């Protein structure tokens, strides 16, 4: 039983490898749900479950640096950490 759950977990974890045979993915999904004691309606399984969603667009570097800098300054102020100021010549 444990071996079947591991196989199902591998299939569900990488659906892009099983797009040619979606019934295999559906059976693996059903096996995982059954192992948890949950019901499963295959009619509710959509293509979105088979395809990885794209990563969110990266934040522009300037915004990232400003956000991180503000967070660091806030943490320094909150913890009263003394700063050693080194001014450039």
N, C-alpha and C. Protein backbone atom coordinates (compact mmCIF):
# COMPACT_ATOMS: atom_id res chain seq x y z
N UNK A 1 0.82 -1.19 0.00
CA UNK A 1 0.00 0.00 0.00
C UNK A 1 0.87 1.26 0.00
N UNK A 2 1.94 1.23 0.83
CA UNK A 2 2.83 2.39 0.91
C UNK A 2 3.53 2.63 -0.42
N UNK A 3 3.91 1.55 -1.12
CA UNK A 3 4.58 1.67 -2.42
C UNK A 3 3.64 2.33 -3.43
N UNK A 4 2.36 1.97 -3.38
CA UNK A 4 1.38 2.55 -4.30
C UNK A 4 1.22 4.05 -4.01
N UNK A 5 1.22 4.42 -2.73
CA UNK A 5 1.11 5.84 -2.38
C UNK A 5 2.34 6.62 -2.83
N UNK A 6 3.52 6.02 -2.71
CA UNK A 6 4.74 6.69 -3.17
C UNK A 6 4.72 6.90 -4.68
N UNK A 7 4.26 5.88 -5.42
CA UNK A 7 4.15 6.01 -6.87
C UNK A 7 3.14 7.09 -7.24
N UNK A 8 2.01 7.10 -6.56
CA UNK A 8 0.99 8.11 -6.83
C UNK A 8 1.53 9.50 -6.52
N UNK A 9 2.28 9.63 -5.45
CA UNK A 9 2.86 10.93 -5.07
C UNK A 9 3.85 11.40 -6.13
N UNK A 10 4.63 10.49 -6.71
CA UNK A 10 5.57 10.85 -7.77
C UNK A 10 4.83 11.33 -9.02
N UNK A 11 3.75 10.65 -9.36
CA UNK A 11 2.98 11.02 -10.56
C UNK A 11 2.32 12.37 -10.37
N UNK A 12 1.70 12.58 -9.22
CA UNK A 12 1.00 13.84 -8.96
C UNK A 12 2.00 14.98 -8.80
N UNK A 13 3.19 14.68 -8.30
CA UNK A 13 4.20 15.71 -8.10
C UNK A 13 4.83 16.21 -9.39
N UNK A 14 4.77 15.44 -10.46
CA UNK A 14 5.32 15.90 -11.74
C UNK A 14 4.36 15.55 -12.87
N UNK A 15 3.21 16.25 -12.92
CA UNK A 15 2.19 15.92 -13.92
C UNK A 15 2.64 16.16 -15.35
N UNK A 16 3.64 17.02 -15.55
CA UNK A 16 4.08 17.31 -16.91
C UNK A 16 4.63 16.08 -17.62
N UNK A 17 5.07 15.09 -16.85
CA UNK A 17 5.60 13.86 -17.45
C UNK A 17 4.49 12.89 -17.85
N UNK A 18 3.26 13.17 -17.44
CA UNK A 18 2.16 12.24 -17.68
C UNK A 18 1.03 12.90 -18.47
N UNK A 19 1.34 13.93 -19.24
CA UNK A 19 0.30 14.61 -20.01
C UNK A 19 -0.25 13.74 -21.14
N UNK A 20 0.54 12.78 -21.61
CA UNK A 20 0.07 11.90 -22.68
C UNK A 20 -1.02 10.94 -22.19
N UNK A 21 -0.96 10.57 -20.92
CA UNK A 21 -1.93 9.65 -20.35
C UNK A 21 -2.53 10.27 -19.09
N UNK A 22 -3.53 11.10 -19.27
CA UNK A 22 -4.12 11.80 -18.14
C UNK A 22 -4.88 10.86 -17.21
N UNK A 23 -5.27 9.69 -17.70
CA UNK A 23 -5.97 8.74 -16.82
C UNK A 23 -5.04 8.23 -15.73
N UNK A 24 -3.75 8.11 -16.03
CA UNK A 24 -2.78 7.69 -15.02
C UNK A 24 -2.69 8.74 -13.91
N UNK A 25 -2.67 10.02 -14.31
CA UNK A 25 -2.65 11.11 -13.33
C UNK A 25 -3.92 11.09 -12.49
N UNK A 26 -5.07 10.89 -13.14
CA UNK A 26 -6.35 10.86 -12.43
C UNK A 26 -6.38 9.72 -11.42
N UNK A 27 -5.89 8.56 -11.81
CA UNK A 27 -5.87 7.42 -10.90
C UNK A 27 -4.93 7.67 -9.72
N UNK A 28 -3.81 8.30 -9.99
CA UNK A 28 -2.87 8.61 -8.91
C UNK A 28 -3.49 9.61 -7.94
N UNK A 29 -4.18 10.61 -8.49
CA UNK A 29 -4.84 11.61 -7.64
C UNK A 29 -5.91 10.94 -6.77
N UNK A 30 -6.68 10.05 -7.38
CA UNK A 30 -7.72 9.34 -6.64
C UNK A 30 -7.11 8.48 -5.54
N UNK A 31 -5.98 7.83 -5.82
CA UNK A 31 -5.33 6.99 -4.82
C UNK A 31 -4.85 7.83 -3.64
N UNK A 32 -4.32 9.01 -3.92
CA UNK A 32 -3.85 9.87 -2.83
C UNK A 32 -5.02 10.37 -1.98
N UNK A 33 -6.12 10.72 -2.63
CA UNK A 33 -7.30 11.17 -1.89
C UNK A 33 -7.86 10.03 -1.04
N UNK A 34 -7.91 8.82 -1.60
CA UNK A 34 -8.43 7.67 -0.87
C UNK A 34 -7.55 7.34 0.33
N UNK A 35 -6.24 7.51 0.20
CA UNK A 35 -5.33 7.25 1.31
C UNK A 35 -5.60 8.20 2.47
N UNK A 36 -6.12 9.36 2.16
CA UNK A 36 -6.47 10.33 3.21
C UNK A 36 -7.91 10.17 3.69
N UNK A 37 -8.63 9.23 3.10
CA UNK A 37 -10.02 9.02 3.48
C UNK A 37 -10.96 10.06 2.89
N UNK A 38 -10.55 10.70 1.81
CA UNK A 38 -11.37 11.73 1.18
C UNK A 38 -11.97 11.20 -0.11
N UNK A 39 -13.10 11.78 -0.49
CA UNK A 39 -13.73 11.42 -1.75
C UNK A 39 -13.09 12.16 -2.90
N UNK A 40 -13.39 11.73 -4.11
CA UNK A 40 -12.79 12.34 -5.29
C UNK A 40 -13.78 12.27 -6.44
N UNK A 41 -14.02 13.39 -7.09
CA UNK A 41 -14.88 13.46 -8.26
C UNK A 41 -14.00 13.80 -9.47
N UNK A 42 -13.71 12.83 -10.34
CA UNK A 42 -12.82 13.10 -11.47
C UNK A 42 -13.34 14.17 -12.42
N UNK A 43 -14.64 14.45 -12.41
CA UNK A 43 -15.19 15.48 -13.29
C UNK A 43 -14.69 16.87 -12.88
N UNK A 44 -14.27 17.02 -11.63
CA UNK A 44 -13.78 18.32 -11.18
C UNK A 44 -12.31 18.55 -11.48
N UNK A 45 -11.62 17.52 -11.93
CA UNK A 45 -10.20 17.64 -12.27
C UNK A 45 -10.08 18.33 -13.62
N UNK A 46 -9.41 19.45 -13.65
CA UNK A 46 -9.30 20.26 -14.87
C UNK A 46 -7.86 20.26 -15.38
N UNK A 47 -7.70 20.78 -16.58
CA UNK A 47 -6.37 20.85 -17.19
C UNK A 47 -5.42 21.69 -16.34
N UNK A 48 -5.94 22.66 -15.60
CA UNK A 48 -5.08 23.50 -14.75
C UNK A 48 -4.37 22.68 -13.69
N UNK A 49 -4.92 21.54 -13.31
CA UNK A 49 -4.28 20.69 -12.33
C UNK A 49 -3.10 19.94 -12.93
N UNK A 50 -3.06 19.84 -14.24
CA UNK A 50 -2.00 19.08 -14.91
C UNK A 50 -0.83 19.95 -15.34
N UNK A 51 -1.06 21.23 -15.50
CA UNK A 51 -0.04 22.12 -16.05
C UNK A 51 0.48 23.02 -14.93
N UNK A 52 1.80 23.14 -14.86
CA UNK A 52 2.40 24.02 -13.85
C UNK A 52 2.04 25.46 -14.16
N UNK A 53 1.73 26.21 -13.12
CA UNK A 53 1.44 27.62 -13.30
C UNK A 53 2.75 28.38 -13.47
N UNK A 54 2.78 29.41 -14.29
CA UNK A 54 4.03 30.16 -14.48
C UNK A 54 4.42 30.90 -13.20
N UNK A 55 5.68 31.12 -13.03
CA UNK A 55 6.18 31.86 -11.89
C UNK A 55 5.72 33.32 -12.01
N UNK A 56 5.54 34.00 -10.89
CA UNK A 56 5.16 35.40 -10.97
C UNK A 56 6.28 36.22 -11.60
N UNK A 57 5.91 37.33 -12.22
CA UNK A 57 6.90 38.18 -12.85
C UNK A 57 7.86 38.71 -11.79
N UNK A 58 9.15 38.73 -12.09
CA UNK A 58 10.10 39.21 -11.09
C UNK A 58 9.91 40.69 -10.80
N UNK A 59 10.18 41.04 -9.57
CA UNK A 59 10.07 42.43 -9.15
C UNK A 59 11.29 43.19 -9.69
N UNK A 60 11.09 44.43 -10.17
CA UNK A 60 12.25 45.19 -10.64
C UNK A 60 13.30 45.35 -9.54
N UNK A 61 14.57 45.36 -9.92
CA UNK A 61 15.66 45.41 -8.96
C UNK A 61 15.58 46.62 -8.03
N UNK A 62 15.21 47.77 -8.58
CA UNK A 62 15.12 48.98 -7.75
C UNK A 62 14.09 48.80 -6.64
N UNK A 63 12.97 48.21 -6.96
CA UNK A 63 11.93 47.99 -5.95
C UNK A 63 12.40 46.98 -4.90
N UNK A 64 13.08 45.95 -5.35
CA UNK A 64 13.58 44.94 -4.42
C UNK A 64 14.58 45.55 -3.45
N UNK A 65 15.53 46.34 -3.98
CA UNK A 65 16.53 46.97 -3.13
C UNK A 65 15.89 47.93 -2.14
N UNK A 66 14.91 48.70 -2.58
CA UNK A 66 14.24 49.65 -1.69
C UNK A 66 13.47 48.91 -0.59
N UNK A 67 12.78 47.83 -0.97
CA UNK A 67 12.00 47.06 0.00
C UNK A 67 12.91 46.39 1.03
N UNK A 68 14.00 45.79 0.57
CA UNK A 68 14.93 45.11 1.48
C UNK A 68 15.62 46.13 2.38
N UNK A 69 16.03 47.27 1.81
CA UNK A 69 16.67 48.32 2.61
C UNK A 69 15.76 48.84 3.70
N UNK A 70 14.50 49.06 3.37
CA UNK A 70 13.53 49.55 4.35
C UNK A 70 13.33 48.52 5.46
N UNK A 71 13.28 47.25 5.10
CA UNK A 71 13.09 46.19 6.09
C UNK A 71 14.30 46.11 7.03
N UNK A 72 15.51 46.21 6.47
CA UNK A 72 16.72 46.15 7.28
C UNK A 72 16.79 47.34 8.23
N UNK A 73 16.48 48.54 7.73
CA UNK A 73 16.48 49.73 8.59
C UNK A 73 15.46 49.59 9.71
N UNK A 74 14.29 49.03 9.41
CA UNK A 74 13.25 48.85 10.42
C UNK A 74 13.71 47.86 11.49
N UNK A 75 14.37 46.78 11.09
CA UNK A 75 14.87 45.80 12.06
C UNK A 75 15.98 46.39 12.93
N UNK A 76 16.86 47.19 12.32
CA UNK A 76 17.94 47.83 13.08
C UNK A 76 17.35 48.78 14.11
N UNK A 77 16.36 49.56 13.72
CA UNK A 77 15.73 50.50 14.64
C UNK A 77 14.97 49.76 15.74
N UNK A 78 14.30 48.67 15.38
CA UNK A 78 13.52 47.91 16.35
C UNK A 78 14.40 47.26 17.42
N UNK A 79 15.57 46.77 17.01
CA UNK A 79 16.45 46.06 17.94
C UNK A 79 17.53 46.96 18.53
N UNK A 80 17.49 48.25 18.18
CA UNK A 80 18.47 49.22 18.70
C UNK A 80 19.91 48.76 18.47
N UNK A 81 20.21 48.35 17.29
CA UNK A 81 21.56 47.89 16.94
C UNK A 81 22.40 49.12 16.59
N UNK A 82 23.56 49.29 17.26
CA UNK A 82 24.39 50.45 16.94
C UNK A 82 25.05 50.27 15.57
N UNK A 83 25.10 51.34 14.82
CA UNK A 83 25.70 51.30 13.49
C UNK A 83 27.06 51.97 13.53
N UNK A 84 28.00 51.40 12.85
CA UNK A 84 29.32 52.01 12.69
C UNK A 84 29.29 52.71 11.35
N UNK A 85 29.25 54.00 11.38
CA UNK A 85 29.17 54.76 10.12
C UNK A 85 30.55 54.96 9.55
N UNK A 86 30.72 54.52 8.34
CA UNK A 86 31.98 54.72 7.63
C UNK A 86 31.68 55.59 6.44
N UNK A 87 32.11 56.80 6.51
CA UNK A 87 31.90 57.72 5.40
C UNK A 87 32.99 57.56 4.37
N UNK A 88 32.59 57.59 3.14
CA UNK A 88 33.57 57.47 2.05
C UNK A 88 34.41 58.73 1.99
N UNK A 89 35.65 58.58 1.60
CA UNK A 89 36.55 59.74 1.54
C UNK A 89 36.25 60.60 0.35
